[in-house]
Amino acid sequence: MDTERIDKKLRAKRKLDDLKGFYWHLASYLLVNTMLTVFKIAGNLSNGESFGEAFFDFGTFAVWMFWGIGLAFHAAKVFSYNPFFSKEWEKRQIQKFMEEDRKEAEKFK
């Protein structure tokens, strides 16, 4: 095997590992948060709250929300979504830095 094929295979394996890691993260997010929600609602109901009060309590969904933010960042990384630093942005920055270096070098000629 040539090195290019080995590199492609390693990159593909790394992407697959990242994807599997994301799916495990998603599965644990759903499982753990579902259990926490059920326990929280049951606890609130046993403390005399109505189902509506127990269900719509901020604490019931706080973990969903904050962990969800982390999960969203994980998904963005795995699925290569970056609205701020696109490939075009990178190319423009590289060209800008190269031009600055060229101008700086010409000062000393």
Foldseek 3Di string as FASTA:
>chain_A
DDPVVVVVVVVVVVLVVLVVVLVVLVVCLVVVLVVQLVVQLVVVVVVPDDSVCSNPDCVSCVCVVVSVVVSVVSVCVSVVPDPPCDPVNVVVVVVVVVVVVVVVVVVVD
